[in-house]
Amino acid sequence: MWEFIDNIMRPNELVPDKTILTYEQVHAIYSKLSEIDEMFKEFVQINILKKELYKLDNNSK
């Protein structure tokens, strides 16, 4: 979990001191970041599909 959290939050100076966080807090952070990461991956896929559909539409004209 920490590797995932660190990779996403690395450039941010607001990263909390890991030693003071409880397991519940870490899990909450991980869950939310994981959810956000998945959402961005879906946006990328949607964008790719839109571009491909646009290409297909332009080629058929």
N, C-alpha and C. Protein backbone atom coordinates (compact mmCIF):
# COMPACT_ATOMS: atom_id res chain seq x y z
N MET A 1 0.82 -1.20 0.00
CA MET A 1 0.00 0.00 0.00
C MET A 1 0.87 1.26 0.00
N TRP A 2 1.91 1.26 0.84
CA TRP A 2 2.73 2.46 0.94
C TRP A 2 3.41 2.80 -0.38
N GLU A 3 3.82 1.80 -1.11
CA GLU A 3 4.47 2.06 -2.40
C GLU A 3 3.51 2.79 -3.34
N PHE A 4 2.27 2.33 -3.37
CA PHE A 4 1.25 2.96 -4.21
C PHE A 4 1.01 4.40 -3.75
N ILE A 5 0.86 4.60 -2.46
CA ILE A 5 0.61 5.94 -1.91
C ILE A 5 1.80 6.85 -2.20
N ASP A 6 3.02 6.36 -1.96
CA ASP A 6 4.22 7.17 -2.20
C ASP A 6 4.36 7.56 -3.66
N ASN A 7 4.06 6.64 -4.57
CA ASN A 7 4.18 6.95 -6.00
C ASN A 7 3.21 8.04 -6.43
N ILE A 8 2.04 8.05 -5.88
CA ILE A 8 1.05 9.05 -6.25
C ILE A 8 1.34 10.39 -5.58
N MET A 9 1.78 10.36 -4.34
CA MET A 9 1.94 11.59 -3.56
C MET A 9 3.37 12.09 -3.48
N ARG A 10 4.30 11.46 -4.17
CA ARG A 10 5.72 11.80 -4.05
C ARG A 10 6.02 13.29 -4.22
N PRO A 11 5.53 13.94 -5.27
CA PRO A 11 5.93 15.34 -5.47
C PRO A 11 5.27 16.32 -4.51
N ASN A 12 4.40 15.84 -3.68
CA ASN A 12 3.64 16.72 -2.80
C ASN A 12 4.27 16.80 -1.42
N GLU A 13 4.51 18.02 -0.95
CA GLU A 13 5.09 18.20 0.39
C GLU A 13 4.06 18.00 1.50
N LEU A 14 2.82 17.75 1.14
CA LEU A 14 1.77 17.54 2.13
C LEU A 14 1.65 16.08 2.57
N VAL A 15 2.57 15.23 2.14
CA VAL A 15 2.53 13.83 2.53
C VAL A 15 2.67 13.75 4.05
N PRO A 16 1.75 13.07 4.69
CA PRO A 16 1.79 13.01 6.15
C PRO A 16 2.98 12.19 6.65
N ASP A 17 3.35 12.47 7.90
CA ASP A 17 4.38 11.68 8.55
C ASP A 17 3.80 10.29 8.76
N LYS A 18 4.36 9.31 8.06
CA LYS A 18 3.80 7.96 8.08
C LYS A 18 3.79 7.33 9.46
N THR A 19 4.67 7.76 10.32
CA THR A 19 4.78 7.12 11.63
C THR A 19 3.60 7.44 12.54
N ILE A 20 2.85 8.51 12.25
CA ILE A 20 1.75 8.88 13.14
C ILE A 20 0.40 8.37 12.65
N LEU A 21 0.37 7.74 11.47
CA LEU A 21 -0.89 7.26 10.92
C LEU A 21 -1.23 5.87 11.44
N THR A 22 -2.52 5.66 11.69
CA THR A 22 -2.99 4.34 12.08
C THR A 22 -3.24 3.50 10.83
N TYR A 23 -3.41 2.21 11.00
CA TYR A 23 -3.71 1.35 9.87
C TYR A 23 -5.03 1.73 9.21
N GLU A 24 -5.99 2.17 10.01
CA GLU A 24 -7.27 2.59 9.45
C GLU A 24 -7.10 3.83 8.57
N GLN A 25 -6.26 4.77 9.01
CA GLN A 25 -6.02 5.96 8.22
C GLN A 25 -5.29 5.63 6.92
N VAL A 26 -4.31 4.75 7.02
CA VAL A 26 -3.57 4.33 5.83
C VAL A 26 -4.51 3.64 4.85
N HIS A 27 -5.36 2.79 5.35
CA HIS A 27 -6.30 2.09 4.48
C HIS A 27 -7.26 3.08 3.81
N ALA A 28 -7.70 4.07 4.56
CA ALA A 28 -8.60 5.08 3.98
C ALA A 28 -7.89 5.87 2.88
N ILE A 29 -6.64 6.25 3.11
CA ILE A 29 -5.86 6.97 2.10
C ILE A 29 -5.68 6.09 0.87
N TYR A 30 -5.27 4.85 1.10
CA TYR A 30 -5.04 3.91 0.00
C TYR A 30 -6.32 3.70 -0.82
N SER A 31 -7.42 3.50 -0.12
CA SER A 31 -8.69 3.25 -0.82
C SER A 31 -9.08 4.42 -1.70
N LYS A 32 -8.97 5.62 -1.17
CA LYS A 32 -9.37 6.80 -1.94
C LYS A 32 -8.43 7.02 -3.12
N LEU A 33 -7.11 6.90 -2.90
CA LEU A 33 -6.16 7.08 -4.00
C LEU A 33 -6.33 6.00 -5.06
N SER A 34 -6.62 4.79 -4.64
CA SER A 34 -6.84 3.70 -5.57
C SER A 34 -8.08 3.97 -6.43
N GLU A 35 -9.10 4.48 -5.79
CA GLU A 35 -10.35 4.82 -6.49
C GLU A 35 -10.09 5.92 -7.52
N ILE A 36 -9.34 6.94 -7.13
CA ILE A 36 -9.02 8.05 -8.02
C ILE A 36 -8.16 7.57 -9.19
N ASP A 37 -7.18 6.71 -8.88
CA ASP A 37 -6.31 6.16 -9.91
C ASP A 37 -7.12 5.39 -10.95
N GLU A 38 -8.05 4.59 -10.49
CA GLU A 38 -8.88 3.81 -11.39
C GLU A 38 -9.75 4.73 -12.26
N MET A 39 -10.25 5.79 -11.66
CA MET A 39 -11.08 6.74 -12.40
C MET A 39 -10.27 7.40 -13.52
N PHE A 40 -9.02 7.78 -13.24
CA PHE A 40 -8.19 8.38 -14.27
C PHE A 40 -7.88 7.39 -15.38
N LYS A 41 -7.66 6.14 -15.04
CA LYS A 41 -7.42 5.11 -16.06
C LYS A 41 -8.63 4.98 -16.97
N GLU A 42 -9.82 5.05 -16.39
CA GLU A 42 -11.05 4.97 -17.19
C GLU A 42 -11.19 6.18 -18.10
N PHE A 43 -10.83 7.37 -17.61
CA PHE A 43 -10.87 8.57 -18.45
C PHE A 43 -9.92 8.44 -19.63
N VAL A 44 -8.76 7.88 -19.40
CA VAL A 44 -7.79 7.68 -20.48
C VAL A 44 -8.37 6.72 -21.52
N GLN A 45 -8.97 5.64 -21.06
CA GLN A 45 -9.58 4.68 -21.99
C GLN A 45 -10.70 5.32 -22.80
N ILE A 46 -11.51 6.12 -22.16
CA ILE A 46 -12.60 6.81 -22.85
C ILE A 46 -12.03 7.75 -23.91
N ASN A 47 -10.98 8.46 -23.57
CA ASN A 47 -10.35 9.37 -24.52
C ASN A 47 -9.80 8.61 -25.73
N ILE A 48 -9.16 7.49 -25.49
CA ILE A 48 -8.63 6.66 -26.57
C ILE A 48 -9.77 6.19 -27.48
N LEU A 49 -10.84 5.73 -26.87
CA LEU A 49 -12.00 5.28 -27.66
C LEU A 49 -12.60 6.42 -28.48
N LYS A 50 -12.70 7.60 -27.91
CA LYS A 50 -13.23 8.75 -28.64
C LYS A 50 -12.37 9.07 -29.86
N LYS A 51 -11.06 9.04 -29.67
CA LYS A 51 -10.16 9.33 -30.78
C LYS A 51 -10.31 8.29 -31.89
N GLU A 52 -10.41 7.04 -31.50
CA GLU A 52 -10.57 5.98 -32.49
C GLU A 52 -11.90 6.10 -33.23
N LEU A 53 -12.95 6.43 -32.51
CA LEU A 53 -14.25 6.62 -33.14
C LEU A 53 -14.22 7.81 -34.10
N TYR A 54 -13.54 8.86 -33.71
CA TYR A 54 -13.40 10.04 -34.56
C TYR A 54 -12.66 9.68 -35.84
N LYS A 55 -11.58 8.88 -35.70
CA LYS A 55 -10.83 8.43 -36.89
C LYS A 55 -11.71 7.60 -37.81
N LEU A 56 -12.45 6.67 -37.23
CA LEU A 56 -13.34 5.82 -38.03
C LEU A 56 -14.40 6.64 -38.75
N ASP A 57 -14.94 7.60 -38.03
CA ASP A 57 -15.98 8.45 -38.61
C ASP A 57 -15.43 9.28 -39.75
N ASN A 58 -14.24 9.82 -39.60
CA ASN A 58 -13.62 10.62 -40.66
C ASN A 58 -13.21 9.78 -41.85
N ASN A 59 -12.80 8.56 -41.63
CA ASN A 59 -12.40 7.66 -42.72
C ASN A 59 -13.60 7.18 -43.53
N SER A 60 -14.75 7.11 -42.92
CA SER A 60 -15.93 6.62 -43.64
C SER A 60 -16.58 7.69 -44.50
N LYS A 61 -16.17 8.91 -44.38
CA LYS A 61 -16.79 10.01 -45.16
C LYS A 61 -16.08 10.21 -46.46
